[in-house]
Protein backbone atom coordinates (compact mmCIF):
# COMPACT_ATOMS: atom_id res chain seq x y z
CA MET A 1 166.69 195.26 61.66
CA LYS A 2 163.50 192.95 61.17
CA LEU A 3 165.83 189.50 61.85
CA PRO A 4 166.48 189.74 65.28
CA ARG A 5 162.71 190.35 66.30
CA VAL A 6 161.82 187.13 64.11
CA SER A 7 164.43 184.88 65.55
CA THR A 8 163.24 186.21 69.58
CA VAL A 9 159.84 185.31 68.56
CA VAL A 10 160.73 181.53 66.97
CA ALA A 11 163.03 181.06 70.17
CA ALA A 12 160.13 182.03 72.63
CA ALA A 13 157.88 179.91 70.92
CA VAL A 14 160.24 176.87 70.69
CA LEU A 15 160.77 177.55 74.57
CA ALA A 16 157.05 177.63 75.52
CA PRO A 17 156.15 173.98 75.89
CA ALA A 18 158.79 173.41 78.29
CA VAL A 19 157.76 175.88 80.55
CA LEU A 20 154.14 176.00 80.58
CA PHE A 21 154.13 171.71 80.71
CA PRO A 22 157.33 170.61 82.41
CA SER A 23 155.47 167.61 84.31
CA SER A 24 153.97 166.27 81.02
CA ALA A 25 157.42 166.13 79.07
CA SER A 26 159.02 164.58 82.33
CA ALA A 27 156.85 161.71 82.85
CA ALA A 28 156.88 160.93 78.73
CA ASP A 29 160.53 161.05 78.72
CA ALA A 30 160.70 158.41 82.17
CA PRO A 31 161.91 155.33 81.31
CA GLN A 32 158.73 152.38 81.72
CA PRO A 33 159.24 149.01 83.69
CA ALA A 34 159.17 146.05 81.85
CA GLY A 35 156.16 144.93 80.59
CA VAL A 36 154.32 147.90 81.57
CA SER A 37 153.48 149.91 78.27
CA GLY A 38 153.21 154.04 78.39
CA PRO A 39 150.59 156.18 77.02
CA ASP A 40 149.93 155.67 73.17
CA THR A 41 150.68 159.28 72.48
CA ALA A 42 151.13 158.82 68.85
CA SER A 43 147.49 158.27 68.46
CA GLY A 44 146.38 161.02 70.46
CA SER A 45 144.17 159.40 72.99
CA ALA A 46 144.48 160.29 76.49
CA PRO A 47 145.01 158.10 79.55
CA ASP A 48 142.01 157.16 81.76
CA ALA A 49 141.21 160.04 84.60
CA ALA A 50 142.12 158.29 88.06
CA PRO A 51 139.77 157.13 90.49
CA GLY A 52 138.27 160.58 92.03
CA GLY A 53 139.67 162.89 89.05
CA ASN A 54 138.29 165.14 86.62
CA GLY A 55 139.22 162.89 83.86
CA SER A 56 136.52 162.09 81.04
CA THR A 57 136.43 159.69 78.63
CA GLY A 58 137.62 160.93 74.72
CA SER A 59 135.30 161.25 71.84
CA ASN A 60 136.55 158.41 70.54
CA GLY A 61 134.59 155.76 72.95
CA SER A 62 137.05 153.49 73.89
CA ASN A 63 135.80 153.04 77.49
CA GLY A 64 132.36 152.84 76.50
CA GLY A 65 133.65 149.58 74.30
CA THR A 66 135.24 148.11 77.10
CA GLU A 67 132.02 148.03 79.24
CA ALA A 68 130.41 146.61 76.51
CA ASP A 69 132.74 143.74 76.08
CA GLY A 70 132.16 142.92 79.75
CA GLN A 71 128.65 142.94 79.80
CA GLU A 72 128.52 140.56 76.81
CA GLN A 73 130.82 138.32 78.61
CA ARG A 74 128.49 138.43 81.53
CA ASP A 75 125.47 137.73 79.40
CA ARG A 76 126.87 134.81 77.53
CA ALA A 77 128.20 133.50 81.25
CA GLU A 78 124.73 133.70 82.40
CA ILE A 79 123.05 131.78 79.20
CA GLN A 80 125.45 129.17 79.53
CA LYS A 81 124.67 128.68 83.32
CA ILE A 82 120.90 128.76 82.31
CA LEU A 83 121.83 125.67 79.85
CA ALA A 84 123.62 124.14 82.49
CA ASP A 85 120.83 123.45 84.81
CA PRO A 86 118.96 120.32 84.23
CA ASN A 87 115.19 121.92 84.89
CA THR A 88 115.75 124.32 82.28
CA GLY A 89 112.89 123.34 79.96
CA PRO A 90 113.03 122.54 76.02
CA GLY A 91 111.89 126.22 74.60
CA VAL A 92 114.15 128.06 76.30
CA ARG A 93 117.08 125.57 76.01
CA GLU A 94 116.44 126.14 72.20
CA ALA A 95 116.26 129.94 72.36
CA ALA A 96 119.30 129.91 74.58
CA GLN A 97 121.12 127.93 72.25
CA LYS A 98 120.45 130.42 69.45
CA ALA A 99 121.07 133.13 71.32
CA LEU A 100 124.97 132.08 71.79
CA LYS A 101 125.07 131.75 68.19
CA GLY A 102 125.06 135.98 67.86
CA GLY A 103 126.46 138.84 69.55
CA ALA A 104 125.75 140.65 72.29
CA ALA A 105 122.49 142.21 70.96
CA GLU A 106 121.41 138.62 70.76
CA LEU A 107 122.23 137.65 74.44
CA ARG A 108 120.87 140.89 75.78
CA HIS A 109 117.30 140.45 74.01
CA PHE A 110 117.27 136.72 74.96
CA LEU A 111 117.88 137.53 78.80
CA THR A 112 115.52 140.64 78.91
CA VAL A 113 112.55 139.69 76.66
CA GLU A 114 112.81 135.79 75.27
CA LEU A 115 114.18 134.43 78.59
CA ALA A 116 110.39 134.68 80.88
CA LYS A 117 108.62 133.98 77.71
CA ASN A 118 109.87 130.89 76.96
CA ARG A 119 110.43 129.62 80.82
CA MET A 120 106.30 130.63 81.00
CA ASP A 121 105.38 128.19 78.00
CA ASP A 122 107.81 125.65 78.80
CA LEU A 123 105.98 125.76 82.68
CA ARG A 124 102.76 125.30 80.92
CA VAL A 125 104.08 122.15 78.97
CA LYS A 126 105.16 120.72 82.40
CA LEU A 127 102.23 121.41 84.12
CA SER A 128 99.80 120.01 81.08
CA GLN A 129 102.38 116.64 81.33
CA ILE A 130 101.73 116.30 85.03
CA MET A 131 98.13 116.98 84.91
CA ASP A 132 97.84 114.08 82.30
CA GLY A 133 99.79 111.67 85.37
CA GLY A 134 98.20 113.02 88.30
CA GLY A 135 95.64 112.28 90.73
CA PRO A 136 92.44 113.74 91.00
CA ALA A 137 93.84 116.74 93.06
CA VAL A 138 96.33 117.30 91.12
CA ARG A 139 94.50 117.42 88.00
CA ALA A 140 92.04 119.84 89.60
CA ALA A 141 94.64 122.12 91.10
CA ALA A 142 96.70 121.88 87.13
CA ASN A 143 93.48 122.73 85.21
CA LYS A 144 92.59 125.69 87.93
CA ALA A 145 96.13 127.22 87.27
CA LEU A 146 96.17 126.70 83.61
CA ASP A 147 92.30 128.91 83.76
CA ASN A 148 94.53 131.60 85.87
CA GLY A 149 97.51 133.14 84.20
CA ASP A 150 101.14 133.22 84.55
CA ALA A 151 100.86 134.01 88.24
CA ALA A 152 98.51 130.89 88.85
CA VAL A 153 100.75 128.74 87.28
CA LEU A 154 103.84 130.17 89.01
CA LYS A 155 102.17 129.38 92.47
CA PHE A 156 101.16 125.91 90.99
CA PHE A 157 104.80 124.68 91.06
CA ALA A 158 105.54 126.93 94.17
CA GLU A 159 102.50 125.81 96.46
CA ASP A 160 99.54 123.82 95.15
CA LEU A 161 101.53 120.71 93.54
CA ALA A 162 102.76 119.72 96.60
CA ALA A 163 99.88 120.25 98.47
CA ALA A 164 98.15 118.18 95.79
CA ARG A 165 100.19 115.39 95.64
CA ALA A 166 100.36 114.71 99.46
CA GLU A 167 95.94 114.63 98.93
CA ASP A 168 96.36 112.30 96.47
CA ALA A 169 98.86 110.01 98.03
CA ASP A 170 96.60 109.92 101.30
CA ARG A 171 93.42 109.13 99.21
CA ALA A 172 95.53 106.37 97.62
CA GLU A 173 96.63 104.99 100.78
CA ILE A 174 93.00 104.80 102.09
CA GLN A 175 91.86 103.17 98.97
CA LYS A 176 94.66 100.44 99.54
CA ILE A 177 93.34 99.81 102.98
CA LEU A 178 89.99 99.42 101.64
CA ALA A 179 90.89 96.66 99.10
CA ASP A 180 92.73 94.71 102.08
CA PRO A 181 90.03 91.75 102.76
CA ASN A 182 91.40 91.93 106.05
CA THR A 183 90.30 95.36 106.83
CA GLY A 184 87.19 95.71 109.61
CA PRO A 185 84.21 97.01 109.36
CA GLY A 186 84.64 99.72 111.53
CA VAL A 187 87.71 100.82 109.68
CA ARG A 188 85.82 100.40 106.14
CA GLU A 189 82.96 102.99 106.89
CA ALA A 190 85.30 105.61 108.35
CA ALA A 191 87.77 105.37 105.46
CA GLN A 192 84.31 105.33 102.45
CA LYS A 193 83.21 108.56 104.55
CA ALA A 194 86.81 110.44 104.42
CA LEU A 195 87.09 109.67 100.78
CA LYS A 196 83.89 111.83 100.29
CA GLY A 197 85.93 114.86 101.64
CA GLY A 198 88.90 116.79 101.13
CA ALA A 199 92.61 116.82 101.94
CA ALA A 200 91.52 117.52 105.55
CA GLU A 201 89.41 114.35 105.81
CA LEU A 202 91.64 112.35 104.67
CA ARG A 203 94.59 113.21 106.38
CA HIS A 204 92.38 113.14 109.89
CA PHE A 205 91.55 109.27 109.10
CA LEU A 206 94.80 108.52 108.42
CA ALA A 207 96.57 110.37 111.50
CA VAL A 208 93.46 109.78 113.93
CA GLU A 209 90.70 107.68 113.16
CA LEU A 210 92.65 104.95 111.30
CA ALA A 211 94.24 103.38 114.72
CA LYS A 212 91.48 103.92 116.67
CA ASN A 213 88.96 101.99 114.43
CA ARG A 214 91.55 99.04 113.73
CA ALA A 215 91.38 98.50 117.58
CA ASP A 216 87.96 98.06 117.70
CA ASP A 217 87.91 96.02 114.64
CA ASN A 218 90.39 93.45 116.01
CA ARG A 219 88.68 93.12 119.60
CA VAL A 220 85.68 92.12 117.08
CA ARG A 221 87.44 89.93 115.41
CA VAL A 222 89.12 88.19 118.34
CA SER A 223 85.60 87.94 119.82
CA GLN A 224 84.26 85.97 117.10
CA ILE A 225 87.48 83.51 117.16
CA LEU A 226 86.41 83.27 120.45
CA ALA A 227 82.79 82.21 119.88
CA THR A 228 83.84 79.96 116.65
CA GLY A 229 87.29 78.77 116.76
CA GLY A 230 88.83 75.50 117.77
CA ARG A 231 90.43 75.08 121.21
CA GLU A 232 93.77 76.72 120.68
CA ALA A 233 92.17 79.41 118.85
CA ARG A 234 89.63 79.88 121.73
CA GLU A 235 92.17 79.75 124.74
CA GLY A 236 94.89 82.11 122.62
CA ALA A 237 91.66 84.70 121.96
CA GLU A 238 90.61 84.80 125.71
CA LYS A 239 94.12 86.02 126.85
CA ALA A 240 94.32 88.21 124.48
CA LEU A 241 91.49 90.40 124.83
CA ASP A 242 92.51 90.48 128.29
CA GLY A 243 95.81 92.34 127.17
CA SER A 244 96.05 95.79 125.73
CA ASP A 245 95.08 96.86 121.75
CA THR A 246 98.53 96.06 121.23
CA ASP A 247 98.53 92.63 122.60
CA VAL A 248 95.08 92.07 120.60
CA ALA A 249 96.94 93.42 117.47
CA LYS A 250 100.06 91.02 118.22
CA TRP A 251 98.17 87.59 118.61
CA LEU A 252 95.81 88.33 115.41
CA ALA A 253 99.53 88.65 113.55
CA GLU A 254 101.11 85.80 115.00
CA GLY A 255 99.19 83.69 117.66
CA TRP A 256 95.91 83.05 115.42
CA PRO A 257 98.02 81.53 112.36
CA ALA A 258 99.95 79.11 114.66
CA ALA A 259 96.41 78.25 116.56
CA LYS A 260 94.37 77.75 113.64
CA ALA A 261 96.60 75.47 112.29
CA SER A 262 96.73 73.39 114.83
CA ASP A 263 92.97 73.27 114.98
CA ASP A 264 92.23 73.05 111.51
CA ARG A 265 94.43 69.38 111.75
CA VAL A 266 92.17 68.34 114.13
CA ALA A 267 89.34 69.08 112.25
CA VAL A 268 90.66 66.87 109.52
CA PHE A 269 91.09 64.03 111.84
CA VAL A 270 87.51 64.47 112.85
CA ALA A 271 86.31 64.26 109.45
CA LEU A 272 88.42 61.22 108.82
CA SER A 273 86.90 59.17 111.96
CA ASP A 274 83.29 59.83 110.86
CA LYS A 275 82.03 56.67 109.90
CA ASN A 276 80.09 58.47 107.17
CA THR A 277 82.74 60.22 105.40
CA GLY A 278 82.85 59.21 101.40
CA PRO A 279 85.92 58.06 99.37
CA HIS A 280 86.26 61.79 97.89
CA VAL A 281 86.30 63.11 101.39
CA LEU A 282 89.05 60.52 102.61
CA GLU A 283 91.34 61.14 99.54
CA ALA A 284 91.59 64.79 99.83
CA ALA A 285 92.00 64.59 103.93
CA LYS A 286 95.08 62.31 103.94
CA LYS A 287 96.59 64.53 100.70
CA ALA A 288 95.96 67.84 103.10
CA LEU A 289 97.76 66.19 106.34
CA THR A 290 100.82 66.00 104.20
CA GLY A 291 100.60 69.37 103.07
CA THR A 292 101.35 72.65 104.96
CA PRO A 293 98.72 74.65 107.04
CA ALA A 294 97.51 76.29 103.89
CA ASP A 295 96.75 73.05 102.10
CA VAL A 296 94.76 71.76 105.27
CA ALA A 297 92.78 74.91 105.43
CA ARG A 298 91.61 74.64 101.87
CA PHE A 299 90.86 71.39 102.39
CA LEU A 300 88.03 72.53 105.13
CA GLU A 301 86.91 74.93 102.84
CA GLU A 302 86.13 72.61 99.87
CA LEU A 303 84.85 70.14 102.65
CA PRO A 304 81.46 71.00 102.05
CA LYS A 305 81.98 70.25 98.02
CA LEU A 306 83.94 67.09 98.79
CA ARG A 307 80.80 65.85 101.10
CA ALA A 308 78.34 66.85 98.77
CA SER A 309 79.95 64.86 95.37
CA ASP A 310 80.19 61.88 98.27
CA ASN A 311 76.35 62.26 99.29
CA ARG A 312 75.28 62.21 95.12
CA VAL A 313 77.41 58.85 94.56
CA LYS A 314 75.97 57.50 97.84
CA VAL A 315 72.20 58.51 96.75
CA SER A 316 73.08 56.96 93.38
CA GLN A 317 73.67 53.55 94.67
CA LEU A 318 70.01 53.85 96.60
CA THR A 319 68.37 54.00 93.27
CA GLU A 320 69.82 50.74 92.07
CA THR A 321 69.45 48.83 95.29
CA GLY A 322 66.93 50.48 97.61
CA GLY A 323 63.30 48.96 98.02
CA PRO A 324 60.83 50.62 95.76
CA ALA A 325 60.04 53.73 98.01
CA VAL A 326 63.91 54.09 98.72
CA ARG A 327 64.75 53.95 95.11
CA GLU A 328 61.81 56.35 94.42
CA ALA A 329 62.80 59.15 96.90
CA ALA A 330 66.42 58.75 96.24
CA ALA A 331 65.96 59.67 92.15
CA LYS A 332 63.72 62.41 93.42
CA ALA A 333 66.33 63.55 95.70
CA MET A 334 69.30 63.37 92.64
CA GLU A 335 67.23 65.88 90.87
CA GLY A 336 67.44 68.61 93.35
CA SER A 337 70.54 70.39 94.89
CA ASP A 338 73.31 69.36 97.35
CA ALA A 339 70.87 70.45 100.20
CA ASP A 340 67.90 68.09 98.59
CA ILE A 341 70.57 65.37 99.01
CA ALA A 342 71.93 65.99 101.99
CA LYS A 343 68.30 66.12 103.64
CA PHE A 344 67.45 62.97 102.05
CA LEU A 345 70.33 61.05 103.85
CA ALA A 346 69.56 62.87 107.08
CA GLU A 347 65.66 62.30 106.89
CA GLY A 348 64.15 60.84 103.85
CA TRP A 349 66.13 57.83 103.45
CA THR A 350 64.90 56.67 106.81
CA THR A 351 61.39 57.07 106.22
CA ALA A 352 61.55 55.50 102.61
CA ARG A 353 63.12 52.40 104.39
CA ALA A 354 60.46 52.29 107.01
CA ALA A 355 57.93 52.15 104.08
CA ASP A 356 59.56 49.04 102.47
CA GLU A 357 59.95 47.45 105.63
CA ALA A 358 56.31 48.02 106.43
CA ALA A 359 55.26 47.02 102.74
CA ALA A 360 57.59 43.68 103.01
CA ASN A 361 56.02 42.95 106.50
CA LYS A 362 52.28 43.03 105.24
CA PRO A 363 50.80 39.61 105.35
CA ALA A 364 49.84 38.51 101.83
CA ASP A 365 46.60 37.15 100.67
CA LYS A 366 45.76 33.85 101.56
CA PRO A 367 44.73 31.35 98.19
CA ALA A 368 41.78 29.73 98.22
CA ASP A 369 43.30 26.21 97.71
CA GLN A 370 46.51 26.89 99.94
CA PRO A 371 47.04 23.92 102.31
CA ALA A 372 46.59 24.86 106.01
CA GLY A 373 50.53 23.89 106.86
CA GLN A 374 51.64 26.36 104.13
CA GLN A 375 48.99 29.24 105.51
CA ASP A 376 50.18 28.86 108.86
CA GLN A 377 54.07 29.59 107.35
CA GLY A 378 52.82 32.36 105.24
CA ALA A 379 51.18 34.22 108.12
CA GLN A 380 54.49 33.82 110.21
CA GLN A 381 56.72 34.95 107.28
CA PRO A 382 56.79 38.26 107.94
CA GLN A 383 57.97 38.15 111.42
CA GLY A 384 61.29 36.69 110.44
CA VAL A 385 62.05 40.08 108.58
CA GLN A 386 64.92 42.29 110.57
CA PRO A 387 66.96 45.31 109.57
CA ALA A 388 70.38 43.80 108.98
CA ALA A 389 73.72 44.82 107.09
CA LEU A 390 74.05 44.17 104.28
CA THR A 391 77.18 41.71 104.43
CA GLY A 392 75.95 39.66 107.26
CA THR A 393 72.12 39.63 105.29
CA THR A 394 74.35 38.08 101.94
CA THR A 395 75.91 35.45 104.12
CA ASP A 396 72.79 34.42 105.90
CA THR A 397 70.54 33.60 102.88
CA ALA A 398 73.48 32.03 100.99
CA ALA A 399 74.12 29.43 104.22
CA THR A 400 70.06 29.03 104.42
CA THR A 401 69.53 28.50 100.80
CA THR A 402 72.54 25.92 100.82
CA GLY A 403 71.68 24.17 104.01
CA THR A 404 67.84 23.36 103.13
CA THR A 405 65.21 23.20 99.66
CA GLY A 406 62.07 23.70 101.57
CA THR A 407 60.18 26.50 102.88
CA THR A 408 62.55 27.53 105.55
CA GLY A 409 65.24 28.31 102.98
CA ALA A 410 62.67 30.92 100.75
CA THR A 411 61.92 32.75 104.15
CA GLY A 412 65.42 32.94 104.78
CA ALA A 413 66.28 34.21 101.19
CA THR A 414 63.20 36.97 101.36
CA THR A 415 64.47 38.08 104.75
CA GLY A 416 67.72 39.22 103.33
CA THR A 417 66.64 40.93 100.33
CA LEU A 418 64.09 43.04 102.67
CA ALA A 419 66.95 43.99 104.82
CA ALA A 420 69.03 45.10 101.98
CA THR A 421 66.40 47.67 100.95
CA GLY A 422 67.41 49.63 104.25
CA THR A 423 71.11 49.17 103.03
CA GLU A 424 72.44 49.89 106.62
CA GLY A 425 75.77 48.90 106.85
CA LEU A 426 76.00 49.50 102.76
CA GLY A 427 79.66 49.71 101.76
CA TRP A 428 81.18 52.30 99.53
CA GLU A 429 82.47 49.88 97.21
CA ALA A 430 80.48 46.58 97.93
CA GLY A 431 76.92 48.31 97.92
CA GLY A 432 76.19 47.21 94.67
CA ALA A 433 77.35 43.87 94.13
CA GLY A 434 76.02 42.63 97.57
CA ALA A 435 72.62 43.86 96.48
CA ALA A 436 72.63 41.57 93.63
CA LEU A 437 74.22 38.79 95.13
CA ALA A 438 71.03 38.83 97.82
CA ALA A 439 68.83 39.48 94.80
CA GLY A 440 70.34 35.98 93.33
CA ALA A 441 69.98 33.91 96.14
CA ALA A 442 66.34 35.07 96.41
CA LEU A 443 65.51 33.81 93.17
CA VAL A 444 67.13 30.48 93.72
CA ALA A 445 64.94 30.01 97.02
CA LEU A 446 61.98 30.73 95.33
CA SER A 447 62.62 28.47 92.36
CA ARG A 448 63.10 25.63 94.97
CA ARG A 449 60.02 26.10 96.78
CA ARG A 450 57.85 26.32 93.48
CA SER A 451 59.32 22.76 92.39
CA ALA A 452 58.54 21.83 95.69
CA GLU A 453 54.85 22.59 95.77
CA SER A 454 54.33 21.12 92.29
């Protein structure tokens, strides 16, 4: 009697799952599309709940593992992006490469902890490098940032660096203007004042004051050229001053160089035509005229030195060929400066030459036994002394000496010799030789006179 009841219980137990869970059974038994796997019923895991459903993650944490894997991939990609940035510093780069060799924990620790610290260290290193190579404003801003924490360092790179570099650029531009020898006094004064100020003063000078002061200086410069330049330069300067500031600047840049070159060549020709021009000046002038405008300008700059050299040569000749007073004054001038030499040639030479001529014209003391005829001739002798050119005097003396052996020949020789003390018409190359010839002729005449008297 008990067997039928047991069978009924077993049958109920077998049929219960089919009655209670018909949808699950049918879903498991339904065929699946190719390439899509169904739930892993063997492992006992449950499928993920649909969006908005009430399903929950199983106790084995398989969904948490998927989320962790995704975070690790995102961290790794972020670090690789940091390494690809060329502005990434060496400290950040080293720590990032080390993190990539680790797992999820190392990657997350780098991004949340190490990155900020290493980035600040790199910024401080970079700031120090900028400070070493920067101008005064950059160095001042960098020092200030280093003394005021991480926020100041970040502000330096975000704002202060650009402003400091602009200030240093303005300062360098003004210093360049001051170094230009063509900078006028007005610009120079304003620039020096601006350099004593800060960024605002530097910018104001470059943006406002420079153009105004430069225009004023240009007009002053053209006025000076008008007063001291050659003919073409004066004409161009006068016309430029009647125009605008732009006209003045253009003439200084283009018109004046051409006018000056023309006037300089005229000045060289004037030097060549001067009868007092010496050999050094002559040689240099001819060479300059065959060169460029710069060569001509250089010659005119060196002209005072060349003239001083020629003057010394001339005075040196006078110390050998002049009369006693001329020789003494010339020797004294040679011991002085170039200005002393020039003054002697302009004034002292004439005075010394007059003294020599006066001494030559002074009557000599009459000997007691001198014949009357000779006394008269001796008294009249100074009347024959006349200043003459050295070349002409030498010719007259030689002719007189050859044509007569009497007292008249001696008088002619004396006249020639005394005239040579003035050295009028002294040749640069023949001065010494001419003087020697005159002296020889005088000695011959004197010897014949003594022979006649004996």
